[in-house]
Amino acid sequence: PWSDTVVLRDIYYFEDARKMNTNLDVALVKRGGEVHQPADAMRV
């Protein structure tokens, strides 16, 4: 509460479900495997 940011951890974001082999309507990817290899936490 005393900070002007919040921290998001264990982050997932949408991916095109057609690219995944999960047979789910929604596909998510865990943040961290991108080219810039971000740490698992995000300040917003």
PDB file of all heavy atoms in Angstrom:
ATOM      1  N   PRO A   1       0.786  -1.231   0.000  1.00  0.00           N
ATOM      2  CA  PRO A   1       0.000   0.000   0.000  1.00  0.00           C
ATOM      3  C   PRO A   1       0.823   1.289   0.000  1.00  0.00           C
ATOM      4  O   PRO A   1       0.347   2.312  -0.459  1.00  0.00           O
ATOM      5  CB  PRO A   1      -0.855  -0.105   1.256  1.00  0.00           C
ATOM      6  CG  PRO A   1      -0.374  -1.258   2.016  1.00  0.00           C
ATOM      7  CD  PRO A   1       0.520  -2.068   1.143  1.00  0.00           C
ATOM      8  N   TRP A   2       2.043   1.270   0.474  1.00  0.00           N
ATOM      9  CA  TRP A   2       2.855   2.485   0.529  1.00  0.00           C
ATOM     10  C   TRP A   2       3.641   2.718  -0.767  1.00  0.00           C
ATOM     11  O   TRP A   2       4.306   3.723  -0.917  1.00  0.00           O
ATOM     12  CB  TRP A   2       3.819   2.422   1.713  1.00  0.00           C
ATOM     13  CG  TRP A   2       4.736   1.245   1.628  1.00  0.00           C
ATOM     14  CD1 TRP A   2       5.917   1.176   0.945  1.00  0.00           C
ATOM     15  CD2 TRP A   2       4.537  -0.034   2.196  1.00  0.00           C
ATOM     16  NE1 TRP A   2       6.469  -0.078   1.058  1.00  0.00           N
ATOM     17  CE2 TRP A   2       5.640  -0.843   1.838  1.00  0.00           C
ATOM     18  CE3 TRP A   2       3.545  -0.597   2.992  1.00  0.00           C
ATOM     19  CZ2 TRP A   2       5.763  -2.170   2.231  1.00  0.00           C
ATOM     20  CZ3 TRP A   2       3.686  -1.919   3.375  1.00  0.00           C
ATOM     21  CH2 TRP A   2       4.770  -2.674   3.002  1.00  0.00           C
ATOM     22  N   SER A   3       3.545   1.806  -1.720  1.00  0.00           N
ATOM     23  CA  SER A   3       4.297   1.916  -2.970  1.00  0.00           C
ATOM     24  C   SER A   3       3.400   2.432  -4.091  1.00  0.00           C
ATOM     25  O   SER A   3       2.186   2.219  -4.082  1.00  0.00           O
ATOM     26  CB  SER A   3       4.845   0.534  -3.344  1.00  0.00           C
ATOM     27  OG  SER A   3       5.485   0.591  -4.596  1.00  0.00           O
ATOM     28  N   ASP A   4       4.001   3.081  -5.079  1.00  0.00           N
ATOM     29  CA  ASP A   4       3.220   3.527  -6.238  1.00  0.00           C
ATOM     30  C   ASP A   4       3.144   2.442  -7.306  1.00  0.00           C
ATOM     31  O   ASP A   4       2.608   2.653  -8.379  1.00  0.00           O
ATOM     32  CB  ASP A   4       3.787   4.824  -6.812  1.00  0.00           C
ATOM     33  CG  ASP A   4       5.212   4.681  -7.326  1.00  0.00           C
ATOM     34  OD1 ASP A   4       5.866   3.680  -6.981  1.00  0.00           O
ATOM     35  OD2 ASP A   4       5.658   5.565  -8.068  1.00  0.00           O
ATOM     36  N   THR A   5       3.690   1.248  -6.998  1.00  0.00           N
ATOM     37  CA  THR A   5       3.599   0.117  -7.919  1.00  0.00           C
ATOM     38  C   THR A   5       3.068  -1.107  -7.187  1.00  0.00           C
ATOM     39  O   THR A   5       3.107  -1.187  -5.961  1.00  0.00           O
ATOM     40  CB  THR A   5       4.976  -0.240  -8.525  1.00  0.00           C
ATOM     41  OG1 THR A   5       5.860  -0.634  -7.489  1.00  0.00           O
ATOM     42  CG2 THR A   5       5.566   0.911  -9.312  1.00  0.00           C
ATOM     43  N   VAL A   6       2.586  -2.065  -7.957  1.00  0.00           N
ATOM     44  CA  VAL A   6       2.259  -3.393  -7.449  1.00  0.00           C
ATOM     45  C   VAL A   6       3.203  -4.363  -8.151  1.00  0.00           C
ATOM     46  O   VAL A   6       3.766  -4.046  -9.196  1.00  0.00           O
ATOM     47  CB  VAL A   6       0.781  -3.774  -7.701  1.00  0.00           C
ATOM     48  CG1 VAL A   6      -0.151  -2.837  -6.965  1.00  0.00           C
ATOM     49  CG2 VAL A   6       0.456  -3.818  -9.174  1.00  0.00           C
ATOM     50  N   VAL A   7       3.362  -5.541  -7.579  1.00  0.00           N
ATOM     51  CA  VAL A   7       4.245  -6.544  -8.171  1.00  0.00           C
ATOM     52  C   VAL A   7       3.395  -7.739  -8.592  1.00  0.00           C
ATOM     53  O   VAL A   7       2.588  -8.242  -7.810  1.00  0.00           O
ATOM     54  CB  VAL A   7       5.338  -6.980  -7.175  1.00  0.00           C
ATOM     55  CG1 VAL A   7       6.212  -8.070  -7.778  1.00  0.00           C
ATOM     56  CG2 VAL A   7       6.188  -5.791  -6.764  1.00  0.00           C
ATOM     57  N   LEU A   8       3.577  -8.167  -9.821  1.00  0.00           N
ATOM     58  CA  LEU A   8       2.894  -9.344 -10.338  1.00  0.00           C
ATOM     59  C   LEU A   8       3.945 -10.441 -10.502  1.00  0.00           C
ATOM     60  O   LEU A   8       4.996 -10.214 -11.108  1.00  0.00           O
ATOM     61  CB  LEU A   8       2.233  -9.014 -11.673  1.00  0.00           C
ATOM     62  CG  LEU A   8       1.221 -10.004 -12.210  1.00  0.00           C
ATOM     63  CD1 LEU A   8       0.049 -10.173 -11.242  1.00  0.00           C
ATOM     64  CD2 LEU A   8       0.716  -9.560 -13.567  1.00  0.00           C
ATOM     65  N   ARG A   9       3.662 -11.615  -9.923  1.00  0.00           N
ATOM     66  CA  ARG A   9       4.589 -12.752  -9.987  1.00  0.00           C
ATOM     67  C   ARG A   9       3.878 -13.961 -10.593  1.00  0.00           C
ATOM     68  O   ARG A   9       2.671 -14.016 -10.617  1.00  0.00           O
ATOM     69  CB  ARG A   9       5.085 -13.117  -8.586  1.00  0.00           C
ATOM     70  CG  ARG A   9       5.850 -12.006  -7.914  1.00  0.00           C
ATOM     71  CD  ARG A   9       6.394 -12.453  -6.558  1.00  0.00           C
ATOM     72  NE  ARG A   9       6.950 -11.336  -5.824  1.00  0.00           N
ATOM     73  CZ  ARG A   9       8.130 -10.768  -6.060  1.00  0.00           C
ATOM     74  NH1 ARG A   9       8.873 -11.225  -7.023  1.00  0.00           N
ATOM     75  NH2 ARG A   9       8.544  -9.747  -5.359  1.00  0.00           N
ATOM     76  N   ASP A  10       4.663 -14.928 -11.025  1.00  0.00           N
ATOM     77  CA  ASP A  10       4.111 -16.152 -11.624  1.00  0.00           C
ATOM     78  C   ASP A  10       3.158 -15.751 -12.752  1.00  0.00           C
ATOM     79  O   ASP A  10       1.971 -16.059 -12.736  1.00  0.00           O
ATOM     80  CB  ASP A  10       3.414 -16.991 -10.558  1.00  0.00           C
ATOM     81  CG  ASP A  10       3.119 -18.403 -11.033  1.00  0.00           C
ATOM     82  OD1 ASP A  10       3.802 -18.893 -11.947  1.00  0.00           O
ATOM     83  OD2 ASP A  10       2.179 -19.015 -10.497  1.00  0.00           O
ATOM     84  N   ILE A  11       3.684 -15.058 -13.741  1.00  0.00           N
ATOM     85  CA  ILE A  11       2.897 -14.357 -14.754  1.00  0.00           C
ATOM     86  C   ILE A  11       2.643 -15.224 -15.983  1.00  0.00           C
ATOM     87  O   ILE A  11       3.562 -15.856 -16.505  1.00  0.00           O
ATOM     88  CB  ILE A  11       3.626 -13.071 -15.192  1.00  0.00           C
ATOM     89  CG1 ILE A  11       3.923 -12.205 -13.971  1.00  0.00           C
ATOM     90  CG2 ILE A  11       2.828 -12.318 -16.240  1.00  0.00           C
ATOM     91  CD1 ILE A  11       4.911 -11.096 -14.242  1.00  0.00           C
ATOM     92  N   TYR A  12       1.405 -15.197 -16.438  1.00  0.00           N
ATOM     93  CA  TYR A  12       0.995 -15.864 -17.672  1.00  0.00           C
ATOM     94  C   TYR A  12       0.277 -14.851 -18.542  1.00  0.00           C
ATOM     95  O   TYR A  12      -0.337 -13.917 -18.035  1.00  0.00           O
ATOM     96  CB  TYR A  12       0.043 -17.030 -17.372  1.00  0.00           C
ATOM     97  CG  TYR A  12       0.722 -18.178 -16.677  1.00  0.00           C
ATOM     98  CD1 TYR A  12       0.879 -18.174 -15.300  1.00  0.00           C
ATOM     99  CD2 TYR A  12       1.220 -19.252 -17.397  1.00  0.00           C
ATOM    100  CE1 TYR A  12       1.510 -19.218 -14.658  1.00  0.00           C
ATOM    101  CE2 TYR A  12       1.851 -20.300 -16.759  1.00  0.00           C
ATOM    102  CZ  TYR A  12       1.998 -20.279 -15.384  1.00  0.00           C
ATOM    103  OH  TYR A  12       2.628 -21.309 -14.750  1.00  0.00           O
ATOM    104  N   TYR A  13       0.338 -15.059 -19.860  1.00  0.00           N
ATOM    105  CA  TYR A  13      -0.395 -14.191 -20.783  1.00  0.00           C
ATOM    106  C   TYR A  13      -0.935 -15.032 -21.935  1.00  0.00           C
ATOM    107  O   TYR A  13      -0.489 -16.158 -22.167  1.00  0.00           O
ATOM    108  CB  TYR A  13       0.477 -13.030 -21.283  1.00  0.00           C
ATOM    109  CG  TYR A  13       1.736 -13.447 -22.001  1.00  0.00           C
ATOM    110  CD1 TYR A  13       1.745 -13.645 -23.379  1.00  0.00           C
ATOM    111  CD2 TYR A  13       2.924 -13.619 -21.306  1.00  0.00           C
ATOM    112  CE1 TYR A  13       2.899 -14.026 -24.035  1.00  0.00           C
ATOM    113  CE2 TYR A  13       4.081 -13.991 -21.951  1.00  0.00           C
ATOM    114  CZ  TYR A  13       4.063 -14.190 -23.324  1.00  0.00           C
ATOM    115  OH  TYR A  13       5.209 -14.572 -23.973  1.00  0.00           O
ATOM    116  N   PHE A  14      -1.903 -14.471 -22.647  1.00  0.00           N
ATOM    117  CA  PHE A  14      -2.576 -15.209 -23.721  1.00  0.00           C
ATOM    118  C   PHE A  14      -1.642 -15.535 -24.874  1.00  0.00           C
ATOM    119  O   PHE A  14      -0.772 -14.747 -25.245  1.00  0.00           O
ATOM    120  CB  PHE A  14      -3.748 -14.395 -24.285  1.00  0.00           C
ATOM    121  CG  PHE A  14      -4.960 -14.397 -23.395  1.00  0.00           C
ATOM    122  CD1 PHE A  14      -5.402 -13.223 -22.830  1.00  0.00           C
ATOM    123  CD2 PHE A  14      -5.649 -15.557 -23.122  1.00  0.00           C
ATOM    124  CE1 PHE A  14      -6.519 -13.196 -22.020  1.00  0.00           C
ATOM    125  CE2 PHE A  14      -6.769 -15.559 -22.307  1.00  0.00           C
ATOM    126  CZ  PHE A  14      -7.205 -14.372 -21.757  1.00  0.00           C
ATOM    127  N   GLU A  15      -1.871 -16.711 -25.448  1.00  0.00           N
ATOM    128  CA  GLU A  15      -1.196 -17.166 -26.668  1.00  0.00           C
ATOM    129  C   GLU A  15      -2.287 -17.697 -27.584  1.00  0.00           C
ATOM    130  O   GLU A  15      -3.362 -18.070 -27.119  1.00  0.00           O
ATOM    131  CB  GLU A  15      -0.194 -18.265 -26.307  1.00  0.00           C
ATOM    132  CG  GLU A  15       0.501 -18.919 -27.479  1.00  0.00           C
ATOM    133  CD  GLU A  15       1.383 -17.966 -28.259  1.00  0.00           C
ATOM    134  OE1 GLU A  15       2.543 -17.774 -27.893  1.00  0.00           O
ATOM    135  OE2 GLU A  15       0.890 -17.390 -29.251  1.00  0.00           O
ATOM    136  N   ASP A  16      -2.021 -17.746 -28.846  1.00  0.00           N
ATOM    137  CA  ASP A  16      -2.982 -18.283 -29.805  1.00  0.00           C
ATOM    138  C   ASP A  16      -3.189 -19.772 -29.506  1.00  0.00           C
ATOM    139  O   ASP A  16      -2.242 -20.558 -29.590  1.00  0.00           O
ATOM    140  CB  ASP A  16      -2.453 -18.087 -31.225  1.00  0.00           C
ATOM    141  CG  ASP A  16      -3.432 -18.506 -32.298  1.00  0.00           C
ATOM    142  OD1 ASP A  16      -4.460 -19.140 -31.979  1.00  0.00           O
ATOM    143  OD2 ASP A  16      -3.173 -18.200 -33.472  1.00  0.00           O
ATOM    144  N   ALA A  17      -4.391 -20.152 -29.139  1.00  0.00           N
ATOM    145  CA  ALA A  17      -4.689 -21.541 -28.756  1.00  0.00           C
ATOM    146  C   ALA A  17      -4.427 -22.511 -29.898  1.00  0.00           C
ATOM    147  O   ALA A  17      -4.150 -23.686 -29.662  1.00  0.00           O
ATOM    148  CB  ALA A  17      -6.131 -21.657 -28.264  1.00  0.00           C
ATOM    149  N   ARG A  18      -4.474 -22.045 -31.136  1.00  0.00           N
ATOM    150  CA  ARG A  18      -4.221 -22.934 -32.275  1.00  0.00           C
ATOM    151  C   ARG A  18      -2.766 -23.378 -32.342  1.00  0.00           C
ATOM    152  O   ARG A  18      -2.454 -24.387 -32.961  1.00  0.00           O
ATOM    153  CB  ARG A  18      -4.613 -22.246 -33.581  1.00  0.00           C
ATOM    154  CG  ARG A  18      -6.118 -21.949 -33.659  1.00  0.00           C
ATOM    155  CD  ARG A  18      -6.446 -21.100 -34.834  1.00  0.00           C
ATOM    156  NE  ARG A  18      -5.852 -19.769 -34.598  1.00  0.00           N
ATOM    157  CZ  ARG A  18      -6.045 -18.721 -35.366  1.00  0.00           C
ATOM    158  NH1 ARG A  18      -6.792 -18.815 -36.432  1.00  0.00           N
ATOM    159  NH2 ARG A  18      -5.494 -17.569 -35.070  1.00  0.00           N
ATOM    160  N   LYS A  19      -1.876 -22.646 -31.679  1.00  0.00           N
ATOM    161  CA  LYS A  19      -0.456 -23.005 -31.677  1.00  0.00           C
ATOM    162  C   LYS A  19      -0.118 -24.065 -30.625  1.00  0.00           C
ATOM    163  O   LYS A  19       0.960 -24.625 -30.641  1.00  0.00           O
ATOM    164  CB  LYS A  19       0.408 -21.769 -31.377  1.00  0.00           C
ATOM    165  CG  LYS A  19       0.385 -20.721 -32.444  1.00  0.00           C
ATOM    166  CD  LYS A  19       1.301 -19.581 -32.031  1.00  0.00           C
ATOM    167  CE  LYS A  19       1.288 -18.453 -33.007  1.00  0.00           C
ATOM    168  NZ  LYS A  19       2.155 -17.350 -32.558  1.00  0.00           N
ATOM    169  N   MET A  20      -1.038 -24.309 -29.703  1.00  0.00           N
ATOM    170  CA  MET A  20      -0.778 -25.213 -28.584  1.00  0.00           C
ATOM    171  C   MET A  20      -1.467 -26.554 -28.815  1.00  0.00           C
ATOM    172  O   MET A  20      -2.468 -26.636 -29.508  1.00  0.00           O
ATOM    173  CB  MET A  20      -1.285 -24.590 -27.282  1.00  0.00           C
ATOM    174  CG  MET A  20      -0.794 -23.183 -27.032  1.00  0.00           C
ATOM    175  SD  MET A  20       0.965 -23.062 -26.836  1.00  0.00           S
ATOM    176  CE  MET A  20       1.072 -23.119 -25.081  1.00  0.00           C
ATOM    177  N   ASN A  21      -0.949 -27.589 -28.188  1.00  0.00           N
ATOM    178  CA  ASN A  21      -1.530 -28.928 -28.288  1.00  0.00           C
ATOM    179  C   ASN A  21      -2.254 -29.312 -27.004  1.00  0.00           C
ATOM    180  O   ASN A  21      -2.111 -30.418 -26.514  1.00  0.00           O
ATOM    181  CB  ASN A  21      -0.423 -29.963 -28.570  1.00  0.00           C
ATOM    182  CG  ASN A  21       0.190 -29.772 -29.933  1.00  0.00           C
ATOM    183  OD1 ASN A  21      -0.475 -29.291 -30.839  1.00  0.00           O
ATOM    184  ND2 ASN A  21       1.440 -30.139 -30.071  1.00  0.00           N
ATOM    185  N   THR A  22      -3.018 -28.409 -26.444  1.00  0.00           N
ATOM    186  CA  THR A  22      -3.677 -28.672 -25.166  1.00  0.00           C
ATOM    187  C   THR A  22      -5.169 -28.971 -25.301  1.00  0.00           C
ATOM    188  O   THR A  22      -5.789 -29.380 -24.339  1.00  0.00           O
ATOM    189  CB  THR A  22      -3.522 -27.466 -24.233  1.00  0.00           C
ATOM    190  OG1 THR A  22      -4.118 -26.323 -24.835  1.00  0.00           O
ATOM    191  CG2 THR A  22      -2.056 -27.198 -23.921  1.00  0.00           C
ATOM    192  N   ASN A  23      -5.750 -28.755 -26.470  1.00  0.00           N
ATOM    193  CA  ASN A  23      -7.183 -28.952 -26.700  1.00  0.00           C
ATOM    194  C   ASN A  23      -8.047 -28.084 -25.789  1.00  0.00           C
ATOM    195  O   ASN A  23      -9.152 -28.454 -25.438  1.00  0.00           O
ATOM    196  CB  ASN A  23      -7.573 -30.429 -26.543  1.00  0.00           C
ATOM    197  CG  ASN A  23      -6.931 -31.284 -27.602  1.00  0.00           C
ATOM    198  OD1 ASN A  23      -6.776 -30.856 -28.753  1.00  0.00           O
ATOM    199  ND2 ASN A  23      -6.543 -32.480 -27.234  1.00  0.00           N
ATOM    200  N   LEU A  24      -7.531 -26.942 -25.373  1.00  0.00           N
ATOM    201  CA  LEU A  24      -8.300 -25.988 -24.582  1.00  0.00           C
ATOM    202  C   LEU A  24      -8.672 -24.803 -25.455  1.00  0.00           C
ATOM    203  O   LEU A  24      -8.007 -24.519 -26.458  1.00  0.00           O
ATOM    204  CB  LEU A  24      -7.477 -25.489 -23.387  1.00  0.00           C
ATOM    205  CG  LEU A  24      -7.093 -26.523 -22.338  1.00  0.00           C
ATOM    206  CD1 LEU A  24      -6.117 -25.919 -21.346  1.00  0.00           C
ATOM    207  CD2 LEU A  24      -8.323 -27.037 -21.621  1.00  0.00           C
ATOM    208  N   ASP A  25      -9.747 -24.105 -25.078  1.00  0.00           N
ATOM    209  CA  ASP A  25     -10.166 -22.921 -25.824  1.00  0.00           C
ATOM    210  C   ASP A  25      -9.197 -21.768 -25.636  1.00  0.00           C
ATOM    211  O   ASP A  25      -9.117 -20.871 -26.466  1.00  0.00           O
ATOM    212  CB  ASP A  25     -11.558 -22.473 -25.372  1.00  0.00           C
ATOM    213  CG  ASP A  25     -12.622 -23.507 -25.692  1.00  0.00           C
ATOM    214  OD1 ASP A  25     -12.433 -24.271 -26.662  1.00  0.00           O
ATOM    215  OD2 ASP A  25     -13.624 -23.557 -24.973  1.00  0.00           O
ATOM    216  N   VAL A  26      -8.473 -21.773 -24.522  1.00  0.00           N
ATOM    217  CA  VAL A  26      -7.562 -20.693 -24.159  1.00  0.00           C
ATOM    218  C   VAL A  26      -6.168 -21.276 -23.990  1.00  0.00           C
ATOM    219  O   VAL A  26      -6.013 -22.345 -23.413  1.00  0.00           O
ATOM    220  CB  VAL A  26      -8.006 -20.047 -22.828  1.00  0.00           C
ATOM    221  CG1 VAL A  26      -7.016 -19.006 -22.370  1.00  0.00           C
ATOM    222  CG2 VAL A  26      -9.393 -19.446 -22.947  1.00  0.00           C
ATOM    223  N   ALA A  27      -5.167 -20.572 -24.487  1.00  0.00           N
ATOM    224  CA  ALA A  27      -3.780 -20.996 -24.276  1.00  0.00           C
ATOM    225  C   ALA A  27      -3.026 -19.852 -23.607  1.00  0.00           C
ATOM    226  O   ALA A  27      -3.212 -18.687 -23.955  1.00  0.00           O
ATOM    227  CB  ALA A  27      -3.133 -21.358 -25.605  1.00  0.00           C
ATOM    228  N   LEU A  28      -2.213 -20.197 -22.642  1.00  0.00           N
ATOM    229  CA  LEU A  28      -1.413 -19.213 -21.927  1.00  0.00           C
ATOM    230  C   LEU A  28       0.051 -19.629 -21.969  1.00  0.00           C
ATOM    231  O   LEU A  28       0.370 -20.804 -22.060  1.00  0.00           O
ATOM    232  CB  LEU A  28      -1.864 -19.101 -20.476  1.00  0.00           C
ATOM    233  CG  LEU A  28      -3.292 -18.623 -20.249  1.00  0.00           C
ATOM    234  CD1 LEU A  28      -3.629 -18.696 -18.776  1.00  0.00           C
ATOM    235  CD2 LEU A  28      -3.476 -17.211 -20.743  1.00  0.00           C
ATOM    236  N   VAL A  29       0.920 -18.637 -21.859  1.00  0.00           N
ATOM    237  CA  VAL A  29       2.360 -18.867 -21.818  1.00  0.00           C
ATOM    238  C   VAL A  29       2.890 -18.219 -20.553  1.00  0.00           C
ATOM    239  O   VAL A  29       2.466 -17.113 -20.193  1.00  0.00           O
ATOM    240  CB  VAL A  29       3.050 -18.233 -23.050  1.00  0.00           C
ATOM    241  CG1 VAL A  29       4.556 -18.329 -22.942  1.00  0.00           C
ATOM    242  CG2 VAL A  29       2.552 -18.872 -24.318  1.00  0.00           C
ATOM    243  N   LYS A  30       3.824 -18.897 -19.884  1.00  0.00           N
ATOM    244  CA  LYS A  30       4.446 -18.310 -18.699  1.00  0.00           C
ATOM    245  C   LYS A  30       5.494 -17.301 -19.152  1.00  0.00           C
ATOM    246  O   LYS A  30       6.317 -17.582 -20.002  1.00  0.00           O
ATOM    247  CB  LYS A  30       5.086 -19.371 -17.829  1.00  0.00           C
ATOM    248  CG  LYS A  30       5.670 -18.803 -16.546  1.00  0.00           C
ATOM    249  CD  LYS A  30       6.024 -19.933 -15.600  1.00  0.00           C
ATOM    250  CE  LYS A  30       6.714 -19.482 -14.356  1.00  0.00           C
ATOM    251  NZ  LYS A  30       6.044 -18.535 -13.525  1.00  0.00           N
ATOM    252  N   ARG A  31       5.432 -16.127 -18.574  1.00  0.00           N
ATOM    253  CA  ARG A  31       6.383 -15.066 -18.893  1.00  0.00           C
ATOM    254  C   ARG A  31       7.771 -15.461 -18.401  1.00  0.00           C
ATOM    255  O   ARG A  31       7.932 -16.001 -17.324  1.00  0.00           O
ATOM    256  CB  ARG A  31       5.955 -13.762 -18.223  1.00  0.00           C
ATOM    257  CG  ARG A  31       6.828 -12.588 -18.557  1.00  0.00           C
ATOM    258  CD  ARG A  31       6.212 -11.323 -17.978  1.00  0.00           C
ATOM    259  NE  ARG A  31       7.045 -10.175 -18.242  1.00  0.00           N
ATOM    260  CZ  ARG A  31       7.954  -9.689 -17.397  1.00  0.00           C
ATOM    261  NH1 ARG A  31       8.111 -10.243 -16.225  1.00  0.00           N
ATOM    262  NH2 ARG A  31       8.667  -8.645 -17.728  1.00  0.00           N
ATOM    263  N   GLY A  32       8.784 -15.178 -19.221  1.00  0.00           N
ATOM    264  CA  GLY A  32      10.159 -15.445 -18.848  1.00  0.00           C
ATOM    265  C   GLY A  32      10.961 -16.090 -19.965  1.00  0.00           C
ATOM    266  O   GLY A  32      12.176 -16.022 -19.973  1.00  0.00           O
ATOM    267  N   GLY A  33      10.286 -16.709 -20.919  1.00  0.00           N
ATOM    268  CA  GLY A  33      10.982 -17.375 -22.007  1.00  0.00           C
ATOM    269  C   GLY A  33      11.159 -16.514 -23.249  1.00  0.00           C
ATOM    270  O   GLY A  33      11.638 -16.990 -24.275  1.00  0.00           O
ATOM    271  N   GLU A  34      10.805 -15.249 -23.161  1.00  0.00           N
ATOM    272  CA  GLU A  34      10.906 -14.354 -24.311  1.00  0.00           C
ATOM    273  C   GLU A  34      12.371 -14.043 -24.609  1.00  0.00           C
ATOM    274  O   GLU A  34      13.262 -14.326 -23.819  1.00  0.00           O
ATOM    275  CB  GLU A  34      10.149 -13.042 -24.029  1.00  0.00           C
ATOM    276  CG  GLU A  34       8.668 -13.200 -23.823  1.00  0.00           C
ATOM    277  CD  GLU A  34       8.285 -13.657 -22.417  1.00  0.00           C
ATOM    278  OE1 GLU A  34       9.175 -13.785 -21.557  1.00  0.00           O
ATOM    279  OE2 GLU A  34       7.095 -13.909 -22.200  1.00  0.00           O
ATOM    280  N   VAL A  35      12.621 -13.440 -25.753  1.00  0.00           N
ATOM    281  CA  VAL A  35      13.977 -13.137 -26.206  1.00  0.00           C
ATOM    282  C   VAL A  35      14.750 -12.318 -25.173  1.00  0.00           C
ATOM    283  O   VAL A  35      15.930 -12.557 -24.930  1.00  0.00           O
ATOM    284  CB  VAL A  35      13.940 -12.392 -27.564  1.00  0.00           C
ATOM    285  CG1 VAL A  35      15.324 -11.942 -27.971  1.00  0.00           C
ATOM    286  CG2 VAL A  35      13.329 -13.276 -28.626  1.00  0.00           C
ATOM    287  N   HIS A  36      14.089 -11.370 -24.526  1.00  0.00           N
ATOM    288  CA  HIS A  36      14.792 -10.531 -23.554  1.00  0.00           C
ATOM    289  C   HIS A  36      14.877 -11.181 -22.171  1.00  0.00           C
ATOM    290  O   HIS A  36      15.462 -10.621 -21.257  1.00  0.00           O
ATOM    291  CB  HIS A  36      14.155  -9.144 -23.473  1.00  0.00           C
ATOM    292  CG  HIS A  36      12.724  -9.140 -23.034  1.00  0.00           C
ATOM    293  ND1 HIS A  36      11.703  -9.672 -23.780  1.00  0.00           N
ATOM    294  CD2 HIS A  36      12.153  -8.667 -21.908  1.00  0.00           C
ATOM    295  CE1 HIS A  36      10.553  -9.515 -23.144  1.00  0.00           C
ATOM    296  NE2 HIS A  36      10.797  -8.907 -22.001  1.00  0.00           N
ATOM    297  N   GLN A  37      14.333 -12.383 -21.997  1.00  0.00           N
ATOM    298  CA  GLN A  37      14.378 -13.186 -20.778  1.00  0.00           C
ATOM    299  C   GLN A  37      14.105 -12.373 -19.510  1.00  0.00           C
ATOM    300  O   GLN A  37      14.957 -12.234 -18.629  1.00  0.00           O
ATOM    301  CB  GLN A  37      15.720 -13.895 -20.664  1.00  0.00           C
ATOM    302  CG  GLN A  37      15.946 -14.873 -21.774  1.00  0.00           C
ATOM    303  CD  GLN A  37      17.268 -15.603 -21.662  1.00  0.00           C
ATOM    304  OE1 GLN A  37      18.194 -15.144 -21.004  1.00  0.00           O
ATOM    305  NE2 GLN A  37      17.346 -16.744 -22.298  1.00  0.00           N
ATOM    306  N   PRO A  38      12.880 -11.842 -19.390  1.00  0.00           N
ATOM    307  CA  PRO A  38      12.551 -11.047 -18.200  1.00  0.00           C
ATOM    308  C   PRO A  38      12.520 -11.908 -16.940  1.00  0.00           C
ATOM    309  O   PRO A  38      12.266 -13.111 -17.003  1.00  0.00           O
ATOM    310  CB  PRO A  38      11.164 -10.503 -18.517  1.00  0.00           C
ATOM    311  CG  PRO A  38      10.578 -11.513 -19.441  1.00  0.00           C
ATOM    312  CD  PRO A  38      11.733 -12.015 -20.269  1.00  0.00           C
ATOM    313  N   ALA A  39      12.788 -11.267 -15.821  1.00  0.00           N
ATOM    314  CA  ALA A  39      12.656 -11.951 -14.531  1.00  0.00           C
ATOM    315  C   ALA A  39      11.177 -12.256 -14.311  1.00  0.00           C
ATOM    316  O   ALA A  39      10.309 -11.696 -14.982  1.00  0.00           O
ATOM    317  CB  ALA A  39      13.190 -11.055 -13.419  1.00  0.00           C
ATOM    318  N   ASP A  40      10.884 -13.099 -13.364  1.00  0.00           N
ATOM    319  CA  ASP A  40       9.506 -13.551 -13.169  1.00  0.00           C
ATOM    320  C   ASP A  40       8.593 -12.474 -12.597  1.00  0.00           C
ATOM    321  O   ASP A  40       7.391 -12.589 -12.680  1.00  0.00           O
ATOM    322  CB  ASP A  40       9.481 -14.781 -12.265  1.00  0.00           C
ATOM    323  CG  ASP A  40       8.099 -15.401 -12.200  1.00  0.00           C
ATOM    324  OD1 ASP A  40       7.417 -15.442 -13.236  1.00  0.00           O
ATOM    325  OD2 ASP A  40       7.696 -15.822 -11.116  1.00  0.00           O
ATOM    326  N   ALA A  41       9.132 -11.418 -12.032  1.00  0.00           N
ATOM    327  CA  ALA A  41       8.282 -10.386 -11.444  1.00  0.00           C
ATOM    328  C   ALA A  41       8.159  -9.189 -12.377  1.00  0.00           C
ATOM    329  O   ALA A  41       9.067  -8.859 -13.119  1.00  0.00           O
ATOM    330  CB  ALA A  41       8.849  -9.928 -10.105  1.00  0.00           C
ATOM    331  N   MET A  42       6.992  -8.549 -12.330  1.00  0.00           N
ATOM    332  CA  MET A  42       6.729  -7.358 -13.129  1.00  0.00           C
ATOM    333  C   MET A  42       6.167  -6.294 -12.198  1.00  0.00           C
ATOM    334  O   MET A  42       5.229  -6.551 -11.450  1.00  0.00           O
ATOM    335  CB  MET A  42       5.699  -7.682 -14.218  1.00  0.00           C
ATOM    336  CG  MET A  42       5.298  -6.502 -15.063  1.00  0.00           C
ATOM    337  SD  MET A  42       3.910  -6.875 -16.186  1.00  0.00           S
ATOM    338  CE  MET A  42       4.649  -8.038 -17.289  1.00  0.00           C
ATOM    339  N   ARG A  43       6.742  -5.112 -12.238  1.00  0.00           N
ATOM    340  CA  ARG A  43       6.210  -3.987 -11.464  1.00  0.00           C
ATOM    341  C   ARG A  43       5.301  -3.173 -12.373  1.00  0.00           C
ATOM    342  O   ARG A  43       5.665  -2.849 -13.491  1.00  0.00           O
ATOM    343  CB  ARG A  43       7.333  -3.103 -10.941  1.00  0.00           C
ATOM    344  CG  ARG A  43       8.157  -3.766  -9.888  1.00  0.00           C
ATOM    345  CD  ARG A  43       9.119  -2.783  -9.249  1.00  0.00           C
ATOM    346  NE  ARG A  43       9.915  -3.442  -8.251  1.00  0.00           N
ATOM    347  CZ  ARG A  43       9.529  -3.683  -7.012  1.00  0.00           C
ATOM    348  NH1 ARG A  43       8.337  -3.305  -6.618  1.00  0.00           N
ATOM    349  NH2 ARG A  43      10.313  -4.293  -6.161  1.00  0.00           N
ATOM    350  N   VAL A  44       4.128  -2.842 -11.855  1.00  0.00           N
ATOM    351  CA  VAL A  44       3.134  -2.091 -12.621  1.00  0.00           C
ATOM    352  C   VAL A  44       2.725  -0.873 -11.810  1.00  0.00           C
ATOM    353  O   VAL A  44       2.372  -1.005 -10.622  1.00  0.00           O
ATOM    354  CB  VAL A  44       1.887  -2.961 -12.927  1.00  0.00           C
ATOM    355  CG1 VAL A  44       0.883  -2.181 -13.757  1.00  0.00           C
ATOM    356  CG2 VAL A  44       2.287  -4.258 -13.608  1.00  0.00           C
TER     357      VAL A  44
END
